[in-house]
Amino acid sequence: MLERFVKEARWVAAEAQDEARAHGSPTIEAEHVLLALSRGHGGVAGPVLAEAGLDHAALEEALEADFERSLSVVGVAAGSLNAGAPAPFSGRPRWGTSAKSSLERALVVAQARGDRRIGDGHVLLAVLGAREGTVPRALREAGIEPADLAARTQAAMERSR
């Protein structure tokens, strides 16, 4: 499947590994893919996210807010952890379930659109297609409805054809 990825989509996959490492995660998850997409690399995803107010820093804040809210649900105050910044993961993170599912959905998105190649827009649509999990919760925490962002992405992809 990766042979169908164009240059910017391959860059996103590599950048997602760096995001996971920087966050101290031994696995690459969909939130790392979304953070990588927000950095932009010549495709449509970065500008679409930025236009929605979701640059890298804003996504980091939304993900942190989701993490803190998740902790509070189980009665843990984020400040009580006194964890500080995560230590970077020094190994090579492996692909986690949510990221693998996103990449598989990117292929389905491309096929449904009749596209032979997979770009970062397809990957963004795939990440936004998750109904549950960290990404949709964090986006809603930031006041963004994933379906609205997906519509913006579709429109940007049509303009770039």
Protein backbone atom coordinates (compact mmCIF):
# COMPACT_ATOMS: atom_id res chain seq x y z
CA MET A 1 0.00 0.00 0.00
CA LEU A 2 2.81 2.46 0.80
CA GLU A 3 3.91 2.39 -2.83
CA ARG A 4 0.71 4.33 -3.64
CA PHE A 5 1.67 7.14 -1.24
CA VAL A 6 2.90 10.31 -2.93
CA LYS A 7 5.84 12.25 -1.52
CA GLU A 8 3.93 14.36 1.02
CA ALA A 9 2.05 11.32 2.36
CA ARG A 10 5.32 9.44 2.83
CA TRP A 11 6.68 12.50 4.63
CA VAL A 12 3.65 12.41 6.97
CA ALA A 13 4.37 8.78 7.84
CA ALA A 14 7.99 9.62 8.69
CA GLU A 15 7.00 12.75 10.62
CA ALA A 16 4.42 10.76 12.61
CA GLN A 17 7.28 8.57 13.87
CA ASP A 18 9.10 11.70 15.03
CA GLU A 19 5.95 12.98 16.76
CA ALA A 20 5.54 9.68 18.61
CA ARG A 21 9.19 9.75 19.71
CA ALA A 22 8.94 13.37 20.87
CA HIS A 23 5.87 12.51 22.95
CA GLY A 24 7.62 9.54 24.56
CA SER A 25 5.35 7.02 22.88
CA PRO A 26 6.55 3.58 21.81
CA THR A 27 3.65 3.48 19.31
CA ILE A 28 2.57 5.79 16.52
CA GLU A 29 -1.12 6.56 16.91
CA ALA A 30 -3.63 8.62 14.91
CA GLU A 31 -2.91 11.72 17.01
CA HIS A 32 0.74 11.56 15.93
CA VAL A 33 -0.37 11.32 12.29
CA LEU A 34 -2.63 14.35 12.80
CA LEU A 35 0.19 16.32 14.41
CA ALA A 36 2.43 15.42 11.46
CA LEU A 37 -0.26 16.53 9.01
CA SER A 38 -0.47 19.88 10.79
CA ARG A 39 3.17 20.59 9.96
CA GLY A 40 2.33 20.58 6.24
CA HIS A 41 4.70 19.53 3.53
CA GLY A 42 3.41 20.73 0.21
CA GLY A 43 0.02 19.04 0.29
CA VAL A 44 -3.49 20.15 1.18
CA ALA A 45 -3.70 18.95 4.81
CA GLY A 46 -1.47 21.56 6.45
CA PRO A 47 -3.27 24.56 4.92
CA VAL A 48 -6.72 23.07 5.64
CA LEU A 49 -5.82 22.49 9.29
CA ALA A 50 -4.25 25.95 9.61
CA GLU A 51 -7.32 27.59 8.06
CA ALA A 52 -9.43 25.85 10.71
CA GLY A 53 -7.16 27.24 13.44
CA LEU A 54 -5.47 23.90 13.99
CA ASP A 55 -1.78 24.55 13.60
CA HIS A 56 0.63 22.26 15.42
CA ALA A 57 0.49 24.23 18.68
CA ALA A 58 -3.32 24.33 18.69
CA LEU A 59 -3.50 20.59 18.12
CA GLU A 60 -1.01 19.99 20.92
CA GLU A 61 -3.25 22.06 23.23
CA ALA A 62 -6.38 20.19 22.16
CA LEU A 63 -4.71 16.82 22.70
CA GLU A 64 -3.44 17.88 26.12
CA ALA A 65 -6.93 19.12 27.07
CA ASP A 66 -8.39 15.77 25.99
CA PHE A 67 -5.79 13.93 28.07
CA GLU A 68 -6.57 16.04 31.14
CA ARG A 69 -10.32 15.57 30.66
CA SER A 70 -9.82 11.80 30.32
CA LEU A 71 -7.86 11.76 33.57
CA SER A 72 -10.54 13.76 35.35
CA VAL A 73 -13.19 11.23 34.29
CA VAL A 74 -11.39 8.62 36.39
CA GLY A 75 -10.82 11.06 39.25
CA VAL A 76 -7.20 12.00 38.59
CA ALA A 77 -6.15 15.62 38.47
CA ALA A 78 -3.52 16.17 35.77
CA GLY A 79 -1.53 18.44 38.09
CA SER A 80 -1.28 15.68 40.68
CA LEU A 81 0.82 13.54 38.33
CA ASN A 82 3.76 15.96 38.43
CA ALA A 83 5.06 14.21 35.35
CA GLY A 84 6.51 17.16 33.43
CA ALA A 85 7.35 16.81 29.78
CA PRO A 86 7.58 13.25 28.48
CA ALA A 87 11.04 11.87 27.89
CA PRO A 88 11.55 11.30 24.17
CA PHE A 89 11.32 7.67 23.12
CA SER A 90 14.74 6.64 21.84
CA GLY A 91 13.70 3.53 19.91
CA ARG A 92 11.79 3.17 16.69
CA PRO A 93 8.07 3.43 17.50
CA ARG A 94 5.89 0.74 15.99
CA TRP A 95 2.60 1.50 14.28
CA GLY A 96 -0.32 1.39 16.68
CA THR A 97 -3.84 0.30 15.85
CA SER A 98 -5.34 3.76 15.34
CA ALA A 99 -2.56 4.85 12.97
CA LYS A 100 -2.67 1.58 11.02
CA SER A 101 -6.43 1.93 10.68
CA SER A 102 -6.00 5.48 9.42
CA LEU A 103 -3.53 4.43 6.74
CA GLU A 104 -5.81 1.59 5.67
CA ARG A 105 -8.76 4.01 5.52
CA ALA A 106 -6.64 6.38 3.38
CA LEU A 107 -6.53 3.69 0.69
CA VAL A 108 -10.31 3.27 0.92
CA VAL A 109 -10.78 7.05 0.69
CA ALA A 110 -8.57 7.23 -2.40
CA GLN A 111 -10.39 4.34 -4.06
CA ALA A 112 -13.79 5.88 -3.30
CA ARG A 113 -12.66 9.13 -4.93
CA GLY A 114 -11.25 7.29 -7.92
CA ASP A 115 -7.70 8.41 -7.09
CA ARG A 116 -4.83 6.08 -7.90
CA ARG A 117 -2.33 7.76 -5.56
CA ILE A 118 -2.66 8.55 -1.85
CA GLY A 119 -1.80 12.08 -0.74
CA ASP A 120 -1.87 13.82 2.60
CA GLY A 121 -5.47 14.88 1.99
CA HIS A 122 -6.50 11.22 1.82
CA VAL A 123 -4.63 10.58 5.05
CA LEU A 124 -6.32 13.55 6.74
CA LEU A 125 -9.76 12.35 5.60
CA ALA A 126 -8.93 8.90 6.96
CA VAL A 127 -7.84 10.28 10.35
CA LEU A 128 -10.99 12.42 10.48
CA GLY A 129 -13.08 9.35 9.66
CA ALA A 130 -12.52 7.84 13.10
CA ARG A 131 -15.78 7.89 15.04
CA GLU A 132 -14.20 7.31 18.43
CA GLY A 133 -10.84 7.87 20.03
CA THR A 134 -8.40 10.59 20.88
CA VAL A 135 -8.54 12.51 17.58
CA PRO A 136 -12.30 13.12 17.38
CA ARG A 137 -12.45 13.93 21.11
CA ALA A 138 -9.54 16.39 20.87
CA LEU A 139 -10.98 18.07 17.78
CA ARG A 140 -14.32 18.54 19.48
CA GLU A 141 -12.44 19.85 22.53
CA ALA A 142 -10.96 22.48 20.18
CA GLY A 143 -14.45 23.35 18.90
CA ILE A 144 -13.99 21.62 15.55
CA GLU A 145 -16.45 19.11 14.20
CA PRO A 146 -14.49 16.38 12.32
CA ALA A 147 -17.17 16.14 9.60
CA ASP A 148 -16.88 19.89 8.88
CA LEU A 149 -13.11 19.60 8.64
CA ALA A 150 -13.50 16.61 6.32
CA ALA A 151 -15.76 18.67 4.04
CA ARG A 152 -13.12 21.42 3.93
CA THR A 153 -10.49 18.81 3.09
CA GLN A 154 -12.61 17.35 0.28
CA ALA A 155 -13.10 20.84 -1.17
CA ALA A 156 -9.37 21.59 -1.03
CA MET A 157 -8.59 18.28 -2.72
CA GLU A 158 -11.06 19.08 -5.50
CA ARG A 159 -9.46 22.51 -6.03
CA SER A 160 -6.00 20.91 -6.26
CA ARG A 161 -6.99 18.38 -8.97
